[in-house]
Every structure is written in C-alpha cells, then in structure tokens.
C-alpha cells in the first residue's frame, strides 16, 4: 500500500520557483521520525543502512532519504509497526 508520494504534491498551489524536491518535505519529516524511532522495516534498514545513519547524524534530511532511497514514495514495505 502506498501511503504518500512526493509526486502527488508537485502540482500544489506553491510558488513557481519552488523546486519539486520540496514536495518531499512533509513525508520526509515523518520518515525521519520513523528512522529516529526505529520504525523502519528490516529490509529497508538493511538496504539503506548508510543513509539511515546519515539521517541519524543530521547529515541527510528525511526528504533527501525519501528521494534517494525510497523513490519519493512512502509505502507499507518501509514501515514496521
């Protein structure tokens, strides 16, 4: 199941000069919270171990992680409850 996708937010009512990457900000904040609270699925933890560590160290934002490691999508495969 796909919970959110940055592409769903590209056509919002935003300033025209705003980069499309900014559509990943809100999802990225939630994803970072999942990382900080150890709520990612084991497969994603294994696949993106280095970038997860970068988020934890403040060297990568949740939005950057979403773009680079999750194809701009937050799906149930990534989340462990």
PDB file of N, CA and C in Angstrom:
ATOM      1  N   UNK A   1       0.844  -1.169   0.000  1.00  0.00           N
ATOM      2  CA  UNK A   1       0.000   0.000   0.000  1.00  0.00           C
ATOM      3  C   UNK A   1       0.899   1.244   0.000  1.00  0.00           C
ATOM      4  N   UNK A   2       0.541   2.208  -0.822  1.00  0.00           N
ATOM      5  CA  UNK A   2       1.291   3.463  -0.846  1.00  0.00           C
ATOM      6  C   UNK A   2       0.542   4.484   0.011  1.00  0.00           C
ATOM      7  N   UNK A   3       1.230   5.003   1.027  1.00  0.00           N
ATOM      8  CA  UNK A   3       0.632   5.998   1.914  1.00  0.00           C
ATOM      9  C   UNK A   3       0.771   7.413   1.364  1.00  0.00           C
ATOM     10  N   UNK A   4       1.901   7.699   0.759  1.00  0.00           N
ATOM     11  CA  UNK A   4       2.132   9.039   0.211  1.00  0.00           C
ATOM     12  C   UNK A   4       3.208   8.961  -0.855  1.00  0.00           C
ATOM     13  N   UNK A   5       3.213   9.967  -1.719  1.00  0.00           N
ATOM     14  CA  UNK A   5       4.140  10.002  -2.839  1.00  0.00           C
ATOM     15  C   UNK A   5       4.414  11.484  -3.120  1.00  0.00           C
ATOM     16  N   UNK A   6       5.669  11.858  -3.180  1.00  0.00           N
ATOM     17  CA  UNK A   6       6.015  13.262  -3.421  1.00  0.00           C
ATOM     18  C   UNK A   6       5.379  13.770  -4.709  1.00  0.00           C
ATOM     19  N   UNK A   7       5.268  12.912  -5.710  1.00  0.00           N
ATOM     20  CA  UNK A   7       4.693  13.353  -6.990  1.00  0.00           C
ATOM     21  C   UNK A   7       3.237  13.783  -6.855  1.00  0.00           C
ATOM     22  N   UNK A   8       2.566  13.308  -5.844  1.00  0.00           N
ATOM     23  CA  UNK A   8       1.177  13.738  -5.619  1.00  0.00           C
ATOM     24  C   UNK A   8       1.103  15.223  -5.266  1.00  0.00           C
ATOM     25  N   UNK A   9       2.217  15.803  -4.860  1.00  0.00           N
ATOM     26  CA  UNK A   9       2.230  17.183  -4.369  1.00  0.00           C
ATOM     27  C   UNK A   9       2.909  18.163  -5.316  1.00  0.00           C
ATOM     28  N   UNK A  10       3.346  17.703  -6.477  1.00  0.00           N
ATOM     29  CA  UNK A  10       4.042  18.588  -7.420  1.00  0.00           C
ATOM     30  C   UNK A  10       3.165  19.727  -7.931  1.00  0.00           C
ATOM     31  N   UNK A  11       1.896  19.491  -8.089  1.00  0.00           N
ATOM     32  CA  UNK A  11       1.015  20.492  -8.702  1.00  0.00           C
ATOM     33  C   UNK A  11       0.249  21.329  -7.695  1.00  0.00           C
ATOM     34  N   UNK A  12       0.732  21.418  -6.488  1.00  0.00           N
ATOM     35  CA  UNK A  12       0.051  22.200  -5.469  1.00  0.00           C
ATOM     36  C   UNK A  12       0.135  23.692  -5.757  1.00  0.00           C
ATOM     37  N   UNK A  13      -0.518  24.443  -4.948  1.00  0.00           N
ATOM     38  CA  UNK A  13      -0.532  25.896  -5.082  1.00  0.00           C
ATOM     39  C   UNK A  13       0.695  26.476  -4.375  1.00  0.00           C
ATOM     40  N   UNK A  14       1.861  26.322  -5.017  1.00  0.00           N
ATOM     41  CA  UNK A  14       3.134  26.739  -4.445  1.00  0.00           C
ATOM     42  C   UNK A  14       3.776  27.788  -5.341  1.00  0.00           C
ATOM     43  N   UNK A  15       4.710  28.548  -4.822  1.00  0.00           N
ATOM     44  CA  UNK A  15       5.442  29.488  -5.682  1.00  0.00           C
ATOM     45  C   UNK A  15       6.077  28.750  -6.857  1.00  0.00           C
ATOM     46  N   UNK A  16       6.052  29.363  -8.015  1.00  0.00           N
ATOM     47  CA  UNK A  16       6.538  28.718  -9.240  1.00  0.00           C
ATOM     48  C   UNK A  16       8.031  28.386  -9.195  1.00  0.00           C
ATOM     49  N   UNK A  17       8.807  29.138  -8.423  1.00  0.00           N
ATOM     50  CA  UNK A  17      10.246  28.891  -8.377  1.00  0.00           C
ATOM     51  C   UNK A  17      10.638  27.854  -7.309  1.00  0.00           C
ATOM     52  N   UNK A  18       9.665  27.266  -6.646  1.00  0.00           N
ATOM     53  CA  UNK A  18       9.933  26.262  -5.621  1.00  0.00           C
ATOM     54  C   UNK A  18      10.333  24.939  -6.282  1.00  0.00           C
ATOM     55  N   UNK A  19      11.478  24.364  -5.912  1.00  0.00           N
ATOM     56  CA  UNK A  19      11.910  23.104  -6.528  1.00  0.00           C
ATOM     57  C   UNK A  19      10.927  21.968  -6.222  1.00  0.00           C
ATOM     58  N   UNK A  20      10.766  21.057  -7.169  1.00  0.00           N
ATOM     59  CA  UNK A  20       9.833  19.938  -6.966  1.00  0.00           C
ATOM     60  C   UNK A  20      10.265  19.057  -5.793  1.00  0.00           C
ATOM     61  N   UNK A  21      11.561  19.070  -5.452  1.00  0.00           N
ATOM     62  CA  UNK A  21      12.043  18.273  -4.320  1.00  0.00           C
ATOM     63  C   UNK A  21      11.368  18.674  -3.013  1.00  0.00           C
ATOM     64  N   UNK A  22      10.898  19.907  -2.951  1.00  0.00           N
ATOM     65  CA  UNK A  22      10.245  20.360  -1.724  1.00  0.00           C
ATOM     66  C   UNK A  22       8.948  19.608  -1.451  1.00  0.00           C
ATOM     67  N   UNK A  23       8.406  18.941  -2.472  1.00  0.00           N
ATOM     68  CA  UNK A  23       7.203  18.135  -2.271  1.00  0.00           C
ATOM     69  C   UNK A  23       7.471  16.964  -1.332  1.00  0.00           C
ATOM     70  N   UNK A  24       8.720  16.639  -1.119  1.00  0.00           N
ATOM     71  CA  UNK A  24       9.088  15.519  -0.245  1.00  0.00           C
ATOM     72  C   UNK A  24       9.279  15.948   1.207  1.00  0.00           C
ATOM     73  N   UNK A  25       9.155  17.223   1.507  1.00  0.00           N
ATOM     74  CA  UNK A  25       9.465  17.720   2.852  1.00  0.00           C
ATOM     75  C   UNK A  25       8.599  17.100   3.944  1.00  0.00           C
ATOM     76  N   UNK A  26       7.285  17.159   3.796  1.00  0.00           N
ATOM     77  CA  UNK A  26       6.402  16.658   4.858  1.00  0.00           C
ATOM     78  C   UNK A  26       6.547  15.148   5.035  1.00  0.00           C
ATOM     79  N   UNK A  27       6.563  14.421   3.922  1.00  0.00           N
ATOM     80  CA  UNK A  27       6.738  12.972   4.005  1.00  0.00           C
ATOM     81  C   UNK A  27       8.101  12.656   4.624  1.00  0.00           C
ATOM     82  N   UNK A  28       9.100  13.408   4.230  1.00  0.00           N
ATOM     83  CA  UNK A  28      10.449  13.205   4.755  1.00  0.00           C
ATOM     84  C   UNK A  28      10.532  13.431   6.251  1.00  0.00           C
ATOM     85  N   UNK A  29       9.787  14.405   6.748  1.00  0.00           N
ATOM     86  CA  UNK A  29       9.774  14.649   8.196  1.00  0.00           C
ATOM     87  C   UNK A  29       9.205  13.433   8.929  1.00  0.00           C
ATOM     88  N   UNK A  30       8.132  12.876   8.393  1.00  0.00           N
ATOM     89  CA  UNK A  30       7.552  11.683   9.014  1.00  0.00           C
ATOM     90  C   UNK A  30       8.508  10.498   8.901  1.00  0.00           C
ATOM     91  N   UNK A  31       9.130  10.349   7.744  1.00  0.00           N
ATOM     92  CA  UNK A  31      10.078   9.261   7.542  1.00  0.00           C
ATOM     93  C   UNK A  31      11.265   9.388   8.492  1.00  0.00           C
ATOM     94  N   UNK A  32      11.768  10.602   8.686  1.00  0.00           N
ATOM     95  CA  UNK A  32      12.856  10.824   9.644  1.00  0.00           C
ATOM     96  C   UNK A  32      12.404  10.431  11.054  1.00  0.00           C
ATOM     97  N   UNK A  33      11.174  10.773  11.405  1.00  0.00           N
ATOM     98  CA  UNK A  33      10.635  10.390  12.716  1.00  0.00           C
ATOM     99  C   UNK A  33      10.629   8.871  12.843  1.00  0.00           C
ATOM    100  N   UNK A  34      10.235   8.170  11.767  1.00  0.00           N
ATOM    101  CA  UNK A  34      10.264   6.697  11.776  1.00  0.00           C
ATOM    102  C   UNK A  34      11.685   6.184  11.984  1.00  0.00           C
ATOM    103  N   UNK A  35      12.644   6.843  11.335  1.00  0.00           N
ATOM    104  CA  UNK A  35      14.043   6.442  11.495  1.00  0.00           C
ATOM    105  C   UNK A  35      14.490   6.659  12.938  1.00  0.00           C
ATOM    106  N   UNK A  36      14.212   7.830  13.491  1.00  0.00           N
ATOM    107  CA  UNK A  36      14.627   8.137  14.867  1.00  0.00           C
ATOM    108  C   UNK A  36      13.995   7.200  15.887  1.00  0.00           C
ATOM    109  N   UNK A  37      12.814   6.685  15.563  1.00  0.00           N
ATOM    110  CA  UNK A  37      12.093   5.811  16.493  1.00  0.00           C
ATOM    111  C   UNK A  37      12.179   4.336  16.120  1.00  0.00           C
ATOM    112  N   UNK A  38      13.124   4.012  15.228  1.00  0.00           N
ATOM    113  CA  UNK A  38      13.395   2.627  14.840  1.00  0.00           C
ATOM    114  C   UNK A  38      12.133   1.907  14.358  1.00  0.00           C
ATOM    115  N   UNK A  39      11.383   2.581  13.476  1.00  0.00           N
ATOM    116  CA  UNK A  39      10.134   2.022  12.978  1.00  0.00           C
ATOM    117  C   UNK A  39      10.203   1.610  11.509  1.00  0.00           C
ATOM    118  N   UNK A  40      11.386   1.550  10.948  1.00  0.00           N
ATOM    119  CA  UNK A  40      11.515   1.124   9.558  1.00  0.00           C
ATOM    120  C   UNK A  40      11.509  -0.395   9.475  1.00  0.00           C
ATOM    121  N   UNK A  41      11.019  -0.907   8.369  1.00  0.00           N
ATOM    122  CA  UNK A  41      11.032  -2.343   8.125  1.00  0.00           C
ATOM    123  C   UNK A  41      12.476  -2.826   8.026  1.00  0.00           C
ATOM    124  N   UNK A  42      12.697  -4.042   8.429  1.00  0.00           N
ATOM    125  CA  UNK A  42      14.047  -4.608   8.438  1.00  0.00           C
ATOM    126  C   UNK A  42      14.708  -4.576   7.061  1.00  0.00           C
ATOM    127  N   UNK A  43      13.951  -4.842   6.002  1.00  0.00           N
ATOM    128  CA  UNK A  43      14.527  -4.828   4.657  1.00  0.00           C
ATOM    129  C   UNK A  43      15.062  -3.455   4.282  1.00  0.00           C
ATOM    130  N   UNK A  44      14.316  -2.403   4.629  1.00  0.00           N
ATOM    131  CA  UNK A  44      14.789  -1.047   4.324  1.00  0.00           C
ATOM    132  C   UNK A  44      15.999  -0.700   5.185  1.00  0.00           C
ATOM    133  N   UNK A  45      15.983  -1.121   6.436  1.00  0.00           N
ATOM    134  CA  UNK A  45      17.142  -0.890   7.304  1.00  0.00           C
ATOM    135  C   UNK A  45      18.398  -1.504   6.698  1.00  0.00           C
ATOM    136  N   UNK A  46      18.239  -2.689   6.147  1.00  0.00           N
ATOM    137  CA  UNK A  46      19.375  -3.385   5.554  1.00  0.00           C
ATOM    138  C   UNK A  46      19.815  -2.723   4.242  1.00  0.00           C
ATOM    139  N   UNK A  47      18.858  -2.359   3.418  1.00  0.00           N
ATOM    140  CA  UNK A  47      19.166  -1.779   2.104  1.00  0.00           C
ATOM    141  C   UNK A  47      19.743  -0.373   2.184  1.00  0.00           C
ATOM    142  N   UNK A  48      19.358   0.370   3.205  1.00  0.00           N
ATOM    143  CA  UNK A  48      19.745   1.782   3.271  1.00  0.00           C
ATOM    144  C   UNK A  48      20.492   2.120   4.559  1.00  0.00           C
ATOM    145  N   UNK A  49      21.223   1.181   5.064  1.00  0.00           N
ATOM    146  CA  UNK A  49      21.903   1.329   6.356  1.00  0.00           C
ATOM    147  C   UNK A  49      22.748   2.597   6.435  1.00  0.00           C
ATOM    148  N   UNK A  50      23.549   2.866   5.420  1.00  0.00           N
ATOM    149  CA  UNK A  50      24.432   4.041   5.450  1.00  0.00           C
ATOM    150  C   UNK A  50      23.641   5.345   5.475  1.00  0.00           C
ATOM    151  N   UNK A  51      22.584   5.429   4.659  1.00  0.00           N
ATOM    152  CA  UNK A  51      21.802   6.665   4.625  1.00  0.00           C
ATOM    153  C   UNK A  51      20.954   6.838   5.880  1.00  0.00           C
ATOM    154  N   UNK A  52      20.510   5.749   6.475  1.00  0.00           N
ATOM    155  CA  UNK A  52      19.797   5.842   7.756  1.00  0.00           C
ATOM    156  C   UNK A  52      20.727   6.448   8.802  1.00  0.00           C
ATOM    157  N   UNK A  53      21.955   6.004   8.808  1.00  0.00           N
ATOM    158  CA  UNK A  53      22.938   6.559   9.747  1.00  0.00           C
ATOM    159  C   UNK A  53      23.155   8.048   9.479  1.00  0.00           C
ATOM    160  N   UNK A  54      23.174   8.439   8.209  1.00  0.00           N
ATOM    161  CA  UNK A  54      23.328   9.859   7.873  1.00  0.00           C
ATOM    162  C   UNK A  54      22.160  10.681   8.411  1.00  0.00           C
ATOM    163  N   UNK A  55      20.947  10.152   8.328  1.00  0.00           N
ATOM    164  CA  UNK A  55      19.790  10.860   8.882  1.00  0.00           C
ATOM    165  C   UNK A  55      19.951  10.994  10.389  1.00  0.00           C
ATOM    166  N   UNK A  56      20.330   9.917  11.036  1.00  0.00           N
ATOM    167  CA  UNK A  56      20.503   9.940  12.494  1.00  0.00           C
ATOM    168  C   UNK A  56      21.587  10.933  12.926  1.00  0.00           C
ATOM    169  N   UNK A  57      22.593  11.113  12.086  1.00  0.00           N
ATOM    170  CA  UNK A  57      23.685  12.042  12.398  1.00  0.00           C
ATOM    171  C   UNK A  57      23.392  13.469  11.936  1.00  0.00           C
ATOM    172  N   UNK A  58      22.258  13.696  11.294  1.00  0.00           N
ATOM    173  CA  UNK A  58      21.917  15.027  10.806  1.00  0.00           C
ATOM    174  C   UNK A  58      22.649  15.410   9.525  1.00  0.00           C
ATOM    175  N   UNK A  59      23.208  14.428   8.825  1.00  0.00           N
ATOM    176  CA  UNK A  59      23.934  14.691   7.581  1.00  0.00           C
ATOM    177  C   UNK A  59      23.039  14.540   6.357  1.00  0.00           C
ATOM    178  N   UNK A  60      21.821  14.050   6.541  1.00  0.00           N
ATOM    179  CA  UNK A  60      20.853  13.882   5.465  1.00  0.00           C
ATOM    180  C   UNK A  60      19.470  14.154   6.044  1.00  0.00           C
ATOM    181  N   UNK A  61      18.635  14.824   5.291  1.00  0.00           N
ATOM    182  CA  UNK A  61      17.273  15.067   5.763  1.00  0.00           C
ATOM    183  C   UNK A  61      16.382  13.876   5.421  1.00  0.00           C
ATOM    184  N   UNK A  62      15.244  13.838   6.065  1.00  0.00           N
ATOM    185  CA  UNK A  62      14.274  12.802   5.732  1.00  0.00           C
ATOM    186  C   UNK A  62      13.813  12.921   4.293  1.00  0.00           C
ATOM    187  N   UNK A  63      13.678  14.143   3.795  1.00  0.00           N
ATOM    188  CA  UNK A  63      13.270  14.348   2.398  1.00  0.00           C
ATOM    189  C   UNK A  63      14.331  13.800   1.448  1.00  0.00           C
ATOM    190  N   UNK A  64      15.581  14.046   1.746  1.00  0.00           N
ATOM    191  CA  UNK A  64      16.658  13.510   0.908  1.00  0.00           C
ATOM    192  C   UNK A  64      16.640  11.979   0.939  1.00  0.00           C
ATOM    193  N   UNK A  65      16.408  11.417   2.105  1.00  0.00           N
ATOM    194  CA  UNK A  65      16.317   9.966   2.232  1.00  0.00           C
ATOM    195  C   UNK A  65      15.157   9.431   1.395  1.00  0.00           C
ATOM    196  N   UNK A  66      14.021  10.102   1.463  1.00  0.00           N
ATOM    197  CA  UNK A  66      12.854   9.690   0.697  1.00  0.00           C
ATOM    198  C   UNK A  66      13.162   9.691  -0.797  1.00  0.00           C
ATOM    199  N   UNK A  67      13.827  10.726  -1.262  1.00  0.00           N
ATOM    200  CA  UNK A  67      14.154  10.841  -2.681  1.00  0.00           C
ATOM    201  C   UNK A  67      15.193   9.812  -3.096  1.00  0.00           C
ATOM    202  N   UNK A  68      16.241   9.687  -2.327  1.00  0.00           N
ATOM    203  CA  UNK A  68      17.371   8.839  -2.725  1.00  0.00           C
ATOM    204  C   UNK A  68      17.138   7.346  -2.484  1.00  0.00           C
ATOM    205  N   UNK A  69      16.425   7.014  -1.430  1.00  0.00           N
ATOM    206  CA  UNK A  69      16.317   5.614  -1.033  1.00  0.00           C
ATOM    207  C   UNK A  69      14.918   5.016  -1.187  1.00  0.00           C
ATOM    208  N   UNK A  70      13.923   5.865  -1.387  1.00  0.00           N
ATOM    209  CA  UNK A  70      12.544   5.371  -1.406  1.00  0.00           C
ATOM    210  C   UNK A  70      11.785   5.742  -2.674  1.00  0.00           C
ATOM    211  N   UNK A  71      12.488   6.215  -3.684  1.00  0.00           N
ATOM    212  CA  UNK A  71      11.855   6.584  -4.950  1.00  0.00           C
ATOM    213  C   UNK A  71      10.713   7.581  -4.743  1.00  0.00           C
ATOM    214  N   UNK A  72      10.879   8.469  -3.765  1.00  0.00           N
ATOM    215  CA  UNK A  72       9.919   9.529  -3.439  1.00  0.00           C
ATOM    216  C   UNK A  72       8.586   9.007  -2.918  1.00  0.00           C
ATOM    217  N   UNK A  73       8.534   7.739  -2.511  1.00  0.00           N
ATOM    218  CA  UNK A  73       7.272   7.139  -2.068  1.00  0.00           C
ATOM    219  C   UNK A  73       7.403   6.593  -0.651  1.00  0.00           C
ATOM    220  N   UNK A  74       6.335   6.731   0.113  1.00  0.00           N
ATOM    221  CA  UNK A  74       6.263   6.097   1.424  1.00  0.00           C
ATOM    222  C   UNK A  74       5.232   4.985   1.312  1.00  0.00           C
ATOM    223  N   UNK A  75       5.727   3.744   1.343  1.00  0.00           N
ATOM    224  CA  UNK A  75       4.841   2.596   1.182  1.00  0.00           C
ATOM    225  C   UNK A  75       4.926   1.698   2.417  1.00  0.00           C
ATOM    226  N   UNK A  76       3.959   0.801   2.538  1.00  0.00           N
ATOM    227  CA  UNK A  76       3.908  -0.051   3.725  1.00  0.00           C
ATOM    228  C   UNK A  76       5.127  -0.951   3.873  1.00  0.00           C
ATOM    229  N   UNK A  77       5.814  -1.231   2.787  1.00  0.00           N
ATOM    230  CA  UNK A  77       7.039  -2.023   2.846  1.00  0.00           C
ATOM    231  C   UNK A  77       8.101  -1.378   3.726  1.00  0.00           C
ATOM    232  N   UNK A  78       8.079  -0.048   3.821  1.00  0.00           N
ATOM    233  CA  UNK A  78       9.120   0.692   4.553  1.00  0.00           C
ATOM    234  C   UNK A  78       8.839   0.797   6.053  1.00  0.00           C
ATOM    235  N   UNK A  79       7.613   0.609   6.438  1.00  0.00           N
ATOM    236  CA  UNK A  79       7.193   0.912   7.795  1.00  0.00           C
ATOM    237  C   UNK A  79       6.904  -0.363   8.578  1.00  0.00           C
ATOM    238  N   UNK A  80       7.374  -0.394   9.788  1.00  0.00           N
ATOM    239  CA  UNK A  80       7.139  -1.538  10.676  1.00  0.00           C
ATOM    240  C   UNK A  80       6.400  -1.009  11.889  1.00  0.00           C
ATOM    241  N   UNK A  81       5.237  -1.544  12.163  1.00  0.00           N
ATOM    242  CA  UNK A  81       4.503  -1.069  13.354  1.00  0.00           C
ATOM    243  C   UNK A  81       4.472  -2.107  14.429  1.00  0.00           C
TER     244      UNK A  81
END
